[in-house]
Amino acid sequence: MTAQTRESEAGEPRSSSVIVNVIDVLRCFTVDDPLLGVTEIATSVGLHKSSISRILSTLEQERIVERDELSRKFRLGLGLIAVAGPLLANLDARRIAYPVLQELAETTGETAALNIWDGAESVSVEQIPSRKQVKHTSPIGTRYGTPLSASVQVFLAYQEESVVRELLSRSRAEEHDPAGPQDLKTYLRRLETVRERGYACNYGETSHEEVGVAAPIMGHRGEVAAALMVAAPLYRIHDAELTRLAEACCRAAARISRRMGGQPE
């Protein structure tokens, strides 16, 4: 009898890896669903509630999750920051880009963010919020998988066509992306334009309230090491302002690229 078929005391099949179960539990917490109960997590990951309770109890002891006093549901805890801290500190792009990111936010008056690519999604690793009262921000760690997101366009513009096709097919299969491109050829031409002009734009395509402009940061090996992005509320970004944001974003991305030993696009 294998580990996958042995049953626990609760009568459920034991997972081949407890670590995988823990990771699955942590991935349930998202920006849209920061507070979750045992039943919700159990339903999402397909494990018995007793197993989820044991996992959460251990994570709570290590401050990886914490319990909300009012709802008694769980949310991610500060202990997770301590675990991720060394990784974030050692991201060259994040460390090198930070002062330029500050200047970009000050110059444009909008939120400036730095994203990296994890192989399937664009992940926010740093952000300088706009000082304006109305602004667009997102928590560090936010993932963008929508093909029309500005940062996703930047990363996909420098991927092989086969990779782009696979990611688009996956996005359609999951049916979570109503704003996704419907025509592959049109989207590939769009990515070609991103390479030619050096930046990508999402003008209210994934959200009617947001504008995003992103430019590639090139590493010393000639690869796209990160994407620099400016995000703003759509209502105040007209054509001339959009051009200004794009130019500022491209100049800042070029500065960071040179600091990383890369050749700016």
Protein backbone atom coordinates (compact mmCIF):
# COMPACT_ATOMS: atom_id res chain seq x y z
CA MET A 1 0.00 0.00 0.00
CA THR A 2 1.47 3.37 -1.06
CA ALA A 3 1.45 6.66 0.83
CA GLN A 4 -1.12 7.96 -1.62
CA THR A 5 -3.61 5.22 -0.79
CA ARG A 6 -3.07 4.91 2.98
CA GLU A 7 -5.89 6.47 4.90
CA SER A 8 -5.56 8.77 7.86
CA GLU A 9 -7.55 8.49 11.06
CA ALA A 10 -10.06 10.90 9.55
CA GLY A 11 -10.75 8.42 6.77
CA GLU A 12 -9.23 10.44 3.93
CA PRO A 13 -6.35 9.44 1.63
CA ARG A 14 -3.04 10.78 2.90
CA SER A 15 -1.22 13.07 0.53
CA SER A 16 2.12 11.98 -0.86
CA SER A 17 3.55 15.24 0.47
CA VAL A 18 2.48 17.20 3.53
CA ILE A 19 4.49 20.14 2.20
CA VAL A 20 2.38 20.23 -0.96
CA ASN A 21 -0.75 20.38 1.20
CA VAL A 22 0.67 23.27 3.23
CA ILE A 23 1.55 25.18 0.05
CA ASP A 24 -1.93 24.55 -1.34
CA VAL A 25 -3.43 25.97 1.85
CA LEU A 26 -1.28 29.12 1.70
CA ARG A 27 -2.16 29.68 -1.95
CA CYS A 28 -5.84 29.86 -1.03
CA PHE A 29 -5.24 33.29 0.50
CA THR A 30 -5.47 35.94 -2.20
CA VAL A 31 -5.99 39.68 -2.49
CA ASP A 32 -9.68 39.06 -3.19
CA ASP A 33 -10.02 36.48 -0.39
CA PRO A 34 -7.67 37.48 2.45
CA LEU A 35 -9.85 35.93 5.16
CA LEU A 36 -10.77 32.24 4.94
CA GLY A 37 -12.35 29.67 7.23
CA VAL A 38 -11.45 26.01 7.60
CA THR A 39 -14.43 24.84 5.54
CA GLU A 40 -13.63 27.22 2.68
CA ILE A 41 -10.01 26.08 2.53
CA ALA A 42 -10.95 22.42 2.80
CA THR A 43 -13.35 22.78 -0.11
CA SER A 44 -10.75 24.60 -2.20
CA VAL A 45 -7.87 22.16 -1.71
CA GLY A 46 -9.94 18.97 -1.46
CA LEU A 47 -8.78 17.87 2.01
CA HIS A 48 -10.74 16.91 5.12
CA LYS A 49 -11.46 19.75 7.55
CA SER A 50 -9.51 17.99 10.30
CA SER A 51 -6.40 18.00 8.11
CA ILE A 52 -6.83 21.69 7.33
CA SER A 53 -7.27 22.46 11.03
CA ARG A 54 -4.01 20.69 11.88
CA ILE A 55 -2.13 22.53 9.14
CA LEU A 56 -3.54 25.91 10.18
CA SER A 57 -2.76 25.23 13.83
CA THR A 58 0.90 24.61 13.02
CA LEU A 59 1.09 27.64 10.72
CA GLU A 60 -0.52 29.78 13.42
CA GLN A 61 2.12 28.71 15.95
CA GLU A 62 4.80 29.84 13.50
CA ARG A 63 2.90 33.11 12.79
CA ILE A 64 2.61 32.18 9.12
CA VAL A 65 -1.15 32.66 9.52
CA GLU A 66 -3.14 34.46 12.17
CA ARG A 67 -6.76 34.41 13.29
CA ASP A 68 -9.02 37.40 12.81
CA GLU A 69 -10.56 38.25 16.18
CA LEU A 70 -13.98 39.21 14.83
CA SER A 71 -14.66 36.54 12.22
CA ARG A 72 -12.36 33.85 13.70
CA LYS A 73 -11.21 33.17 10.16
CA PHE A 74 -7.58 32.97 9.14
CA ARG A 75 -5.35 35.33 7.18
CA LEU A 76 -1.66 35.37 6.29
CA GLY A 77 0.56 36.46 9.17
CA LEU A 78 3.68 38.54 9.58
CA GLY A 79 5.79 35.42 9.93
CA LEU A 80 5.46 34.92 6.20
CA ILE A 81 7.25 38.22 5.60
CA ALA A 82 10.19 36.99 7.65
CA VAL A 83 10.36 33.88 5.47
CA ALA A 84 10.15 35.84 2.20
CA GLY A 85 12.36 38.71 3.37
CA PRO A 86 15.73 37.23 2.36
CA LEU A 87 14.39 36.41 -1.11
CA LEU A 88 13.06 39.92 -1.67
CA ALA A 89 16.26 41.47 -0.34
CA ASN A 90 18.37 39.45 -2.74
CA LEU A 91 16.39 40.31 -5.84
CA ASP A 92 18.92 42.43 -7.72
CA ALA A 93 16.26 44.12 -9.81
CA ARG A 94 14.32 45.14 -6.72
CA ARG A 95 17.33 46.51 -4.88
CA ILE A 96 18.78 48.35 -7.87
CA ALA A 97 15.42 49.65 -9.08
CA TYR A 98 14.17 51.11 -5.82
CA PRO A 99 15.64 54.66 -6.06
CA VAL A 100 14.61 54.94 -9.72
CA LEU A 101 11.16 53.67 -8.78
CA GLN A 102 10.87 56.47 -6.22
CA GLU A 103 11.87 59.07 -8.79
CA LEU A 104 9.41 57.68 -11.33
CA ALA A 105 6.52 57.92 -8.87
CA GLU A 106 7.54 61.48 -7.98
CA THR A 107 7.97 62.55 -11.61
CA THR A 108 4.72 61.09 -12.91
CA GLY A 109 2.63 61.64 -9.80
CA GLU A 110 1.32 58.09 -10.21
CA THR A 111 2.04 54.70 -8.65
CA ALA A 112 5.25 53.03 -9.83
CA ALA A 113 5.73 49.28 -9.47
CA LEU A 114 8.30 46.59 -10.22
CA ASN A 115 7.22 43.15 -11.41
CA ILE A 116 9.09 39.92 -12.07
CA TRP A 117 8.05 36.87 -14.11
CA ASP A 118 7.59 33.52 -12.37
CA GLY A 119 7.15 31.48 -15.56
CA ALA A 120 3.41 31.93 -15.87
CA GLU A 121 2.45 35.20 -14.18
CA SER A 122 3.77 38.68 -13.49
CA VAL A 123 4.36 39.20 -9.76
CA SER A 124 4.58 42.57 -8.00
CA VAL A 125 7.71 42.75 -5.80
CA GLU A 126 7.96 46.49 -5.11
CA GLN A 127 5.70 49.52 -5.27
CA ILE A 128 5.83 53.26 -4.59
CA PRO A 129 2.23 54.52 -4.26
CA SER A 130 1.11 57.81 -5.74
CA ARG A 131 0.74 60.66 -3.29
CA LYS A 132 -2.57 61.65 -4.83
CA GLN A 133 -5.74 60.90 -2.94
CA VAL A 134 -7.21 58.88 -5.81
CA LYS A 135 -4.67 56.34 -7.01
CA HIS A 136 -4.24 52.80 -8.19
CA THR A 137 -2.28 50.44 -5.93
CA SER A 138 -2.00 46.69 -5.33
CA PRO A 139 -0.35 44.70 -2.53
CA ILE A 140 3.17 43.39 -3.02
CA GLY A 141 2.88 39.79 -4.14
CA THR A 142 -0.12 40.46 -6.39
CA ARG A 143 -0.06 38.18 -9.44
CA TYR A 144 -1.13 39.19 -12.93
CA GLY A 145 -1.97 36.45 -15.39
CA THR A 146 -4.31 38.37 -17.69
CA PRO A 147 -2.66 38.58 -21.14
CA LEU A 148 -3.77 42.18 -21.60
CA SER A 149 -2.10 43.38 -18.39
CA ALA A 150 0.72 45.75 -19.29
CA SER A 151 3.43 43.89 -17.39
CA VAL A 152 2.30 40.52 -18.78
CA GLN A 153 2.51 41.92 -22.30
CA VAL A 154 6.09 43.04 -21.64
CA PHE A 155 7.18 39.60 -20.47
CA LEU A 156 5.34 37.71 -23.21
CA ALA A 157 6.71 40.01 -25.91
CA TYR A 158 10.14 38.44 -25.34
CA GLN A 159 8.97 34.82 -25.05
CA GLU A 160 8.95 32.21 -27.79
CA GLU A 161 5.66 32.06 -29.70
CA SER A 162 5.06 28.51 -28.44
CA VAL A 163 5.19 29.75 -24.84
CA VAL A 164 2.73 32.55 -25.63
CA ARG A 165 0.35 30.09 -27.29
CA GLU A 166 0.49 27.75 -24.30
CA LEU A 167 -0.19 30.50 -21.77
CA LEU A 168 -3.09 31.87 -23.80
CA SER A 169 -4.59 28.39 -24.14
CA ARG A 170 -4.30 27.87 -20.40
CA SER A 171 -5.95 31.22 -19.69
CA ARG A 172 -8.89 30.37 -21.93
CA ALA A 173 -9.23 26.88 -20.49
CA GLU A 174 -9.49 28.26 -16.95
CA GLU A 175 -12.24 30.64 -18.13
CA HIS A 176 -11.27 33.25 -15.56
CA ASP A 177 -10.16 35.87 -18.04
CA PRO A 178 -13.10 37.45 -19.90
CA ALA A 179 -10.81 40.34 -20.87
CA GLY A 180 -8.33 38.04 -22.61
CA PRO A 181 -7.49 38.37 -26.31
CA GLN A 182 -9.81 36.47 -28.61
CA ASP A 183 -7.55 36.35 -31.64
CA LEU A 184 -4.03 34.88 -31.32
CA LYS A 185 -2.63 36.53 -34.45
CA THR A 186 -3.84 39.94 -33.34
CA TYR A 187 -2.29 39.41 -29.93
CA LEU A 188 1.04 38.31 -31.42
CA ARG A 189 1.08 41.47 -33.55
CA ARG A 190 0.41 43.45 -30.40
CA LEU A 191 3.43 41.85 -28.72
CA GLU A 192 5.51 42.72 -31.77
CA THR A 193 4.45 46.34 -31.34
CA VAL A 194 5.51 46.18 -27.69
CA ARG A 195 9.00 45.12 -28.77
CA GLU A 196 9.18 47.81 -31.44
CA ARG A 197 8.12 50.79 -29.32
CA GLY A 198 9.63 49.52 -26.06
CA TYR A 199 6.57 49.56 -23.82
CA ALA A 200 3.13 48.00 -23.34
CA CYS A 201 -0.14 49.68 -22.50
CA ASN A 202 -3.33 48.51 -20.84
CA TYR A 203 -5.81 51.33 -21.30
CA GLY A 204 -8.84 50.19 -19.33
CA GLU A 205 -8.81 46.74 -20.97
CA THR A 206 -8.62 44.64 -17.82
CA SER A 207 -10.38 47.20 -15.64
CA HIS A 208 -12.51 50.15 -16.71
CA GLU A 209 -10.93 52.20 -13.93
CA GLU A 210 -7.22 51.57 -14.54
CA VAL A 211 -4.44 52.46 -16.95
CA GLY A 212 -1.15 50.57 -16.87
CA VAL A 213 2.06 51.29 -18.79
CA ALA A 214 5.03 48.93 -18.54
CA ALA A 215 8.54 48.77 -19.99
CA PRO A 216 11.13 45.96 -19.91
CA ILE A 217 14.19 46.01 -17.67
CA MET A 218 16.97 44.12 -19.44
CA GLY A 219 19.51 42.00 -17.55
CA HIS A 220 23.17 41.56 -18.39
CA ARG A 221 22.42 38.35 -20.29
CA GLY A 222 20.05 40.15 -22.62
CA GLU A 223 16.95 38.75 -20.95
CA VAL A 224 13.97 40.63 -19.53
CA ALA A 225 14.87 40.71 -15.85
CA ALA A 226 11.78 42.63 -14.72
CA ALA A 227 9.05 44.99 -15.85
CA LEU A 228 8.70 48.56 -14.67
CA MET A 229 5.12 49.77 -14.50
CA VAL A 230 3.17 52.98 -13.93
CA ALA A 231 -0.45 52.54 -12.85
CA ALA A 232 -3.08 55.29 -12.68
CA PRO A 233 -6.84 55.85 -12.57
CA LEU A 234 -8.18 55.94 -16.12
CA TYR A 235 -10.29 59.09 -15.72
CA ARG A 236 -7.27 61.41 -15.57
CA ILE A 237 -5.11 59.81 -18.28
CA HIS A 238 -5.78 61.37 -21.70
CA ASP A 239 -3.68 60.70 -24.81
CA ALA A 240 -1.00 63.29 -24.09
CA GLU A 241 -0.69 62.16 -20.47
CA LEU A 242 -0.47 58.52 -21.58
CA THR A 243 2.45 59.42 -23.85
CA ARG A 244 4.16 61.25 -20.99
CA LEU A 245 3.78 58.24 -18.68
CA ALA A 246 5.12 55.87 -21.36
CA GLU A 247 8.17 58.05 -22.03
CA ALA A 248 8.94 58.42 -18.33
CA CYS A 249 8.53 54.68 -17.77
CA CYS A 250 10.84 53.83 -20.70
CA ARG A 251 13.53 56.24 -19.51
CA ALA A 252 13.40 54.83 -15.99
CA ALA A 253 13.50 51.22 -17.25
CA ALA A 254 16.55 52.09 -19.39
CA ARG A 255 18.34 53.54 -16.35
CA ILE A 256 17.69 50.41 -14.31
CA SER A 257 18.76 48.20 -17.22
CA ARG A 258 22.11 49.99 -17.46
CA ARG A 259 22.61 49.68 -13.69
CA MET A 260 22.06 45.93 -14.04
CA GLY A 261 24.58 45.68 -16.87
CA GLY A 262 21.89 45.26 -19.48
CA GLN A 263 21.39 46.97 -22.82
CA PRO A 264 18.21 49.06 -22.76
CA GLU A 265 15.61 48.37 -25.41
